[in-house]
N, C-alpha and C. Protein backbone atom coordinates (compact mmCIF):
# COMPACT_ATOMS: atom_id res chain seq x y z
N MET A 1 -48.06 37.08 20.41
CA MET A 1 -46.90 36.33 20.02
C MET A 1 -47.31 34.94 19.53
N PHE A 2 -46.43 34.37 18.75
CA PHE A 2 -46.66 33.02 18.23
C PHE A 2 -46.40 32.00 19.32
N ARG A 3 -47.33 31.07 19.47
CA ARG A 3 -47.13 29.98 20.42
C ARG A 3 -47.00 28.68 19.65
N GLY A 4 -46.06 27.84 20.04
CA GLY A 4 -45.81 26.58 19.35
C GLY A 4 -46.76 25.49 19.78
N ARG A 5 -46.54 24.29 19.27
CA ARG A 5 -47.40 23.15 19.56
C ARG A 5 -47.36 22.77 21.04
N LYS A 6 -46.19 22.86 21.63
CA LYS A 6 -46.07 22.45 23.03
C LYS A 6 -46.90 23.36 23.93
N GLU A 7 -46.94 24.62 23.61
CA GLU A 7 -47.67 25.58 24.44
C GLU A 7 -49.17 25.44 24.27
N THR A 8 -49.63 25.18 23.06
CA THR A 8 -51.07 25.11 22.81
C THR A 8 -51.63 23.71 23.04
N GLY A 9 -50.77 22.70 22.96
CA GLY A 9 -51.24 21.32 23.10
C GLY A 9 -51.88 20.79 21.82
N TYR A 10 -51.81 21.56 20.76
CA TYR A 10 -52.43 21.16 19.50
C TYR A 10 -51.50 20.25 18.74
N LEU A 11 -51.99 19.07 18.38
CA LEU A 11 -51.26 18.17 17.50
C LEU A 11 -52.16 17.85 16.32
N PRO A 12 -51.65 18.06 15.11
CA PRO A 12 -52.50 17.79 13.94
C PRO A 12 -52.81 16.31 13.82
N ALA A 13 -53.96 16.01 13.23
CA ALA A 13 -54.35 14.62 13.00
C ALA A 13 -53.37 13.98 12.03
N PRO A 14 -53.08 12.71 12.20
CA PRO A 14 -52.14 12.08 11.28
C PRO A 14 -52.71 12.06 9.87
N GLY A 15 -51.90 12.46 8.94
CA GLY A 15 -52.32 12.49 7.54
C GLY A 15 -52.07 11.16 6.88
N PRO A 16 -52.31 11.09 5.61
CA PRO A 16 -52.14 9.83 4.88
C PRO A 16 -50.70 9.33 4.94
N ARG A 17 -49.75 10.24 4.98
CA ARG A 17 -48.35 9.81 4.99
C ARG A 17 -48.01 9.06 6.26
N GLU A 18 -48.44 9.56 7.40
CA GLU A 18 -48.12 8.90 8.66
C GLU A 18 -48.81 7.54 8.77
N GLU A 19 -50.02 7.44 8.26
CA GLU A 19 -50.74 6.18 8.34
C GLU A 19 -50.19 5.16 7.34
N ALA A 20 -49.83 5.60 6.15
CA ALA A 20 -49.39 4.69 5.10
C ALA A 20 -48.01 4.11 5.39
N ILE A 21 -47.19 4.80 6.13
CA ILE A 21 -45.84 4.32 6.38
C ILE A 21 -45.85 3.01 7.15
N HIS A 22 -46.90 2.76 7.91
CA HIS A 22 -46.98 1.53 8.69
C HIS A 22 -47.50 0.35 7.88
N GLU A 23 -47.92 0.59 6.64
CA GLU A 23 -48.43 -0.48 5.79
C GLU A 23 -47.34 -1.20 5.01
N PHE A 24 -46.13 -0.65 5.00
CA PHE A 24 -45.03 -1.30 4.29
C PHE A 24 -44.60 -2.54 5.05
N PRO A 25 -44.17 -3.59 4.34
CA PRO A 25 -43.68 -4.78 5.04
C PRO A 25 -42.36 -4.48 5.74
N GLU A 26 -42.10 -5.24 6.79
CA GLU A 26 -40.84 -5.07 7.52
C GLU A 26 -39.67 -5.53 6.65
N ASP A 27 -38.53 -4.89 6.82
CA ASP A 27 -37.33 -5.28 6.11
C ASP A 27 -36.78 -6.57 6.72
N ILE A 28 -36.12 -7.39 5.90
CA ILE A 28 -35.58 -8.64 6.44
C ILE A 28 -34.30 -8.40 7.23
N PHE A 29 -33.70 -7.22 7.06
CA PHE A 29 -32.49 -6.88 7.79
C PHE A 29 -32.81 -5.87 8.88
N THR A 30 -32.06 -5.94 9.96
CA THR A 30 -32.20 -4.94 11.02
C THR A 30 -31.49 -3.67 10.59
N LYS A 31 -31.73 -2.60 11.32
CA LYS A 31 -31.09 -1.33 11.00
C LYS A 31 -29.57 -1.44 11.12
N GLU A 32 -29.11 -2.19 12.11
CA GLU A 32 -27.67 -2.37 12.31
C GLU A 32 -27.05 -3.15 11.15
N GLN A 33 -27.75 -4.19 10.67
CA GLN A 33 -27.25 -4.97 9.53
C GLN A 33 -27.18 -4.12 8.27
N ARG A 34 -28.18 -3.26 8.08
CA ARG A 34 -28.16 -2.38 6.92
C ARG A 34 -27.00 -1.41 6.99
N LYS A 35 -26.68 -0.92 8.19
CA LYS A 35 -25.54 0.00 8.34
C LYS A 35 -24.22 -0.70 8.04
N LYS A 36 -24.15 -2.00 8.31
CA LYS A 36 -22.90 -2.74 8.12
C LYS A 36 -22.75 -3.31 6.72
N GLY A 37 -23.64 -3.00 5.81
CA GLY A 37 -23.46 -3.42 4.43
C GLY A 37 -24.57 -4.25 3.84
N ALA A 38 -25.59 -4.57 4.59
CA ALA A 38 -26.68 -5.37 4.03
C ALA A 38 -27.46 -4.59 2.98
N VAL A 39 -27.33 -3.28 3.00
CA VAL A 39 -28.01 -2.47 1.99
C VAL A 39 -27.45 -2.79 0.60
N CYS A 40 -26.21 -3.28 0.53
CA CYS A 40 -25.64 -3.68 -0.75
C CYS A 40 -26.43 -4.84 -1.36
N LEU A 41 -26.94 -5.72 -0.51
CA LEU A 41 -27.77 -6.82 -1.03
C LEU A 41 -29.06 -6.29 -1.65
N HIS A 42 -29.62 -5.24 -1.06
CA HIS A 42 -30.79 -4.61 -1.66
C HIS A 42 -30.44 -4.06 -3.04
N ALA A 43 -29.29 -3.41 -3.15
CA ALA A 43 -28.87 -2.85 -4.44
C ALA A 43 -28.64 -3.96 -5.46
N LEU A 44 -28.00 -5.04 -5.04
CA LEU A 44 -27.77 -6.16 -5.97
C LEU A 44 -29.09 -6.78 -6.42
N CYS A 45 -30.04 -6.91 -5.52
CA CYS A 45 -31.35 -7.44 -5.91
C CYS A 45 -32.04 -6.52 -6.91
N ALA A 46 -31.94 -5.22 -6.70
CA ALA A 46 -32.56 -4.27 -7.63
C ALA A 46 -31.90 -4.37 -9.01
N ILE A 47 -30.58 -4.47 -9.05
CA ILE A 47 -29.88 -4.60 -10.33
C ILE A 47 -30.29 -5.89 -11.03
N TYR A 48 -30.38 -6.98 -10.28
CA TYR A 48 -30.80 -8.26 -10.85
C TYR A 48 -32.21 -8.18 -11.41
N MET A 49 -33.11 -7.52 -10.71
CA MET A 49 -34.50 -7.41 -11.17
C MET A 49 -34.59 -6.57 -12.45
N PHE A 50 -33.80 -5.48 -12.53
CA PHE A 50 -33.79 -4.69 -13.76
C PHE A 50 -33.23 -5.50 -14.92
N TYR A 51 -32.21 -6.31 -14.66
CA TYR A 51 -31.66 -7.17 -15.70
C TYR A 51 -32.70 -8.20 -16.16
N ALA A 52 -33.40 -8.81 -15.22
CA ALA A 52 -34.44 -9.78 -15.56
C ALA A 52 -35.55 -9.12 -16.35
N LEU A 53 -35.92 -7.92 -15.98
CA LEU A 53 -36.95 -7.19 -16.72
C LEU A 53 -36.51 -6.91 -18.15
N ALA A 54 -35.25 -6.56 -18.32
CA ALA A 54 -34.72 -6.31 -19.67
C ALA A 54 -34.76 -7.59 -20.51
N LEU A 55 -34.43 -8.71 -19.91
CA LEU A 55 -34.48 -9.98 -20.64
C LEU A 55 -35.90 -10.34 -21.06
N VAL A 56 -36.84 -10.17 -20.15
CA VAL A 56 -38.23 -10.50 -20.47
C VAL A 56 -38.75 -9.58 -21.58
N CYS A 57 -38.43 -8.30 -21.50
CA CYS A 57 -38.87 -7.37 -22.55
C CYS A 57 -38.27 -7.73 -23.90
N ASP A 58 -36.98 -8.07 -23.92
CA ASP A 58 -36.34 -8.42 -25.19
C ASP A 58 -36.90 -9.71 -25.76
N ASP A 59 -37.19 -10.67 -24.92
CA ASP A 59 -37.64 -11.98 -25.40
C ASP A 59 -39.12 -12.04 -25.73
N TYR A 60 -39.95 -11.27 -25.02
CA TYR A 60 -41.40 -11.40 -25.18
C TYR A 60 -42.09 -10.12 -25.64
N PHE A 61 -41.77 -8.99 -25.01
CA PHE A 61 -42.52 -7.77 -25.30
C PHE A 61 -42.21 -7.21 -26.69
N VAL A 62 -40.95 -7.14 -27.04
CA VAL A 62 -40.58 -6.57 -28.34
C VAL A 62 -41.08 -7.43 -29.49
N PRO A 63 -40.91 -8.76 -29.48
CA PRO A 63 -41.47 -9.55 -30.59
C PRO A 63 -42.99 -9.45 -30.70
N SER A 64 -43.69 -9.43 -29.56
CA SER A 64 -45.14 -9.30 -29.64
C SER A 64 -45.53 -7.91 -30.15
N LEU A 65 -44.78 -6.90 -29.78
CA LEU A 65 -45.03 -5.55 -30.30
C LEU A 65 -44.83 -5.51 -31.81
N GLU A 66 -43.82 -6.20 -32.30
CA GLU A 66 -43.57 -6.25 -33.74
C GLU A 66 -44.71 -6.94 -34.48
N LYS A 67 -45.21 -8.04 -33.91
CA LYS A 67 -46.33 -8.76 -34.56
C LYS A 67 -47.60 -7.92 -34.57
N ILE A 68 -47.90 -7.26 -33.48
CA ILE A 68 -49.11 -6.43 -33.42
C ILE A 68 -49.02 -5.28 -34.41
N SER A 69 -47.87 -4.62 -34.45
CA SER A 69 -47.74 -3.48 -35.38
C SER A 69 -47.75 -3.96 -36.82
N GLU A 70 -47.25 -5.15 -37.07
CA GLU A 70 -47.29 -5.72 -38.42
C GLU A 70 -48.73 -6.01 -38.83
N ASN A 71 -49.52 -6.59 -37.92
CA ASN A 71 -50.92 -6.92 -38.22
C ASN A 71 -51.78 -5.67 -38.38
N LEU A 72 -51.48 -4.63 -37.62
CA LEU A 72 -52.24 -3.38 -37.72
C LEU A 72 -51.67 -2.41 -38.76
N GLN A 73 -50.60 -2.82 -39.41
CA GLN A 73 -49.92 -2.02 -40.44
C GLN A 73 -49.53 -0.63 -39.91
N LEU A 74 -48.91 -0.63 -38.76
CA LEU A 74 -48.43 0.62 -38.16
C LEU A 74 -46.94 0.75 -38.42
N SER A 75 -46.49 2.00 -38.53
CA SER A 75 -45.05 2.20 -38.66
C SER A 75 -44.39 1.91 -37.31
N GLU A 76 -43.09 1.68 -37.33
CA GLU A 76 -42.38 1.35 -36.10
C GLU A 76 -42.45 2.48 -35.08
N ASP A 77 -42.39 3.71 -35.56
CA ASP A 77 -42.42 4.87 -34.64
C ASP A 77 -43.77 4.97 -33.93
N VAL A 78 -44.85 4.83 -34.69
CA VAL A 78 -46.18 4.93 -34.09
C VAL A 78 -46.42 3.77 -33.13
N ALA A 79 -46.05 2.57 -33.55
CA ALA A 79 -46.24 1.40 -32.70
C ALA A 79 -45.42 1.52 -31.43
N GLY A 80 -44.19 1.97 -31.56
CA GLY A 80 -43.34 2.11 -30.39
C GLY A 80 -43.90 3.12 -29.40
N ALA A 81 -44.32 4.27 -29.91
CA ALA A 81 -44.84 5.30 -29.02
C ALA A 81 -46.16 4.86 -28.37
N THR A 82 -47.03 4.24 -29.15
CA THR A 82 -48.34 3.86 -28.64
C THR A 82 -48.27 2.67 -27.69
N PHE A 83 -47.70 1.58 -28.13
CA PHE A 83 -47.71 0.36 -27.33
C PHE A 83 -46.73 0.40 -26.17
N MET A 84 -45.62 1.08 -26.33
CA MET A 84 -44.70 1.20 -25.19
C MET A 84 -45.33 2.04 -24.09
N ALA A 85 -46.04 3.10 -24.48
CA ALA A 85 -46.72 3.92 -23.47
C ALA A 85 -47.83 3.12 -22.79
N ALA A 86 -48.59 2.37 -23.58
CA ALA A 86 -49.66 1.56 -23.00
C ALA A 86 -49.09 0.44 -22.12
N GLY A 87 -48.03 -0.18 -22.56
CA GLY A 87 -47.43 -1.26 -21.80
C GLY A 87 -46.81 -0.79 -20.50
N SER A 88 -46.23 0.39 -20.51
CA SER A 88 -45.61 0.87 -19.28
C SER A 88 -46.65 1.43 -18.31
N SER A 89 -47.80 1.85 -18.81
CA SER A 89 -48.84 2.40 -17.93
C SER A 89 -49.86 1.36 -17.48
N ALA A 90 -49.88 0.22 -18.12
CA ALA A 90 -50.89 -0.80 -17.79
C ALA A 90 -50.84 -1.27 -16.34
N PRO A 91 -49.67 -1.53 -15.76
CA PRO A 91 -49.68 -1.96 -14.35
C PRO A 91 -50.31 -0.93 -13.42
N GLU A 92 -50.04 0.34 -13.64
CA GLU A 92 -50.63 1.38 -12.81
C GLU A 92 -52.14 1.45 -12.99
N LEU A 93 -52.58 1.28 -14.23
CA LEU A 93 -54.02 1.31 -14.51
C LEU A 93 -54.73 0.17 -13.79
N PHE A 94 -54.20 -1.05 -13.94
CA PHE A 94 -54.85 -2.20 -13.31
C PHE A 94 -54.78 -2.13 -11.79
N THR A 95 -53.68 -1.61 -11.28
CA THR A 95 -53.56 -1.45 -9.83
C THR A 95 -54.59 -0.48 -9.30
N SER A 96 -54.79 0.62 -10.01
CA SER A 96 -55.77 1.60 -9.56
C SER A 96 -57.20 1.06 -9.69
N LEU A 97 -57.45 0.25 -10.71
CA LEU A 97 -58.80 -0.32 -10.85
C LEU A 97 -59.07 -1.39 -9.79
N ILE A 98 -58.09 -2.21 -9.53
CA ILE A 98 -58.27 -3.27 -8.52
C ILE A 98 -58.30 -2.69 -7.13
N GLY A 99 -57.53 -1.64 -6.88
CA GLY A 99 -57.46 -1.04 -5.56
C GLY A 99 -58.70 -0.29 -5.16
N GLN A 100 -59.58 0.02 -6.09
CA GLN A 100 -60.77 0.80 -5.76
C GLN A 100 -61.76 -0.01 -5.03
């Protein structure tokens, strides 16, 4: 018959998920505060950050993309596909290189 963990005393070693969960910073709100509506502040902060990101992209990223594609004589479609992909993947690339 099948015997469970309690009967065998076997507990698997903690995997990466169990260890990594303790590396996150603590939340500034308690669990009770989050239940009473503080989670709305998290949502508002996320919306504000997405709005700020959109402003920065419109003011800086798009004009610089236009200048680069103009200097390299690329069509808008090619420049958009190439540089937008590179720009959106660059943070992950640098994070993985620095994290090694």
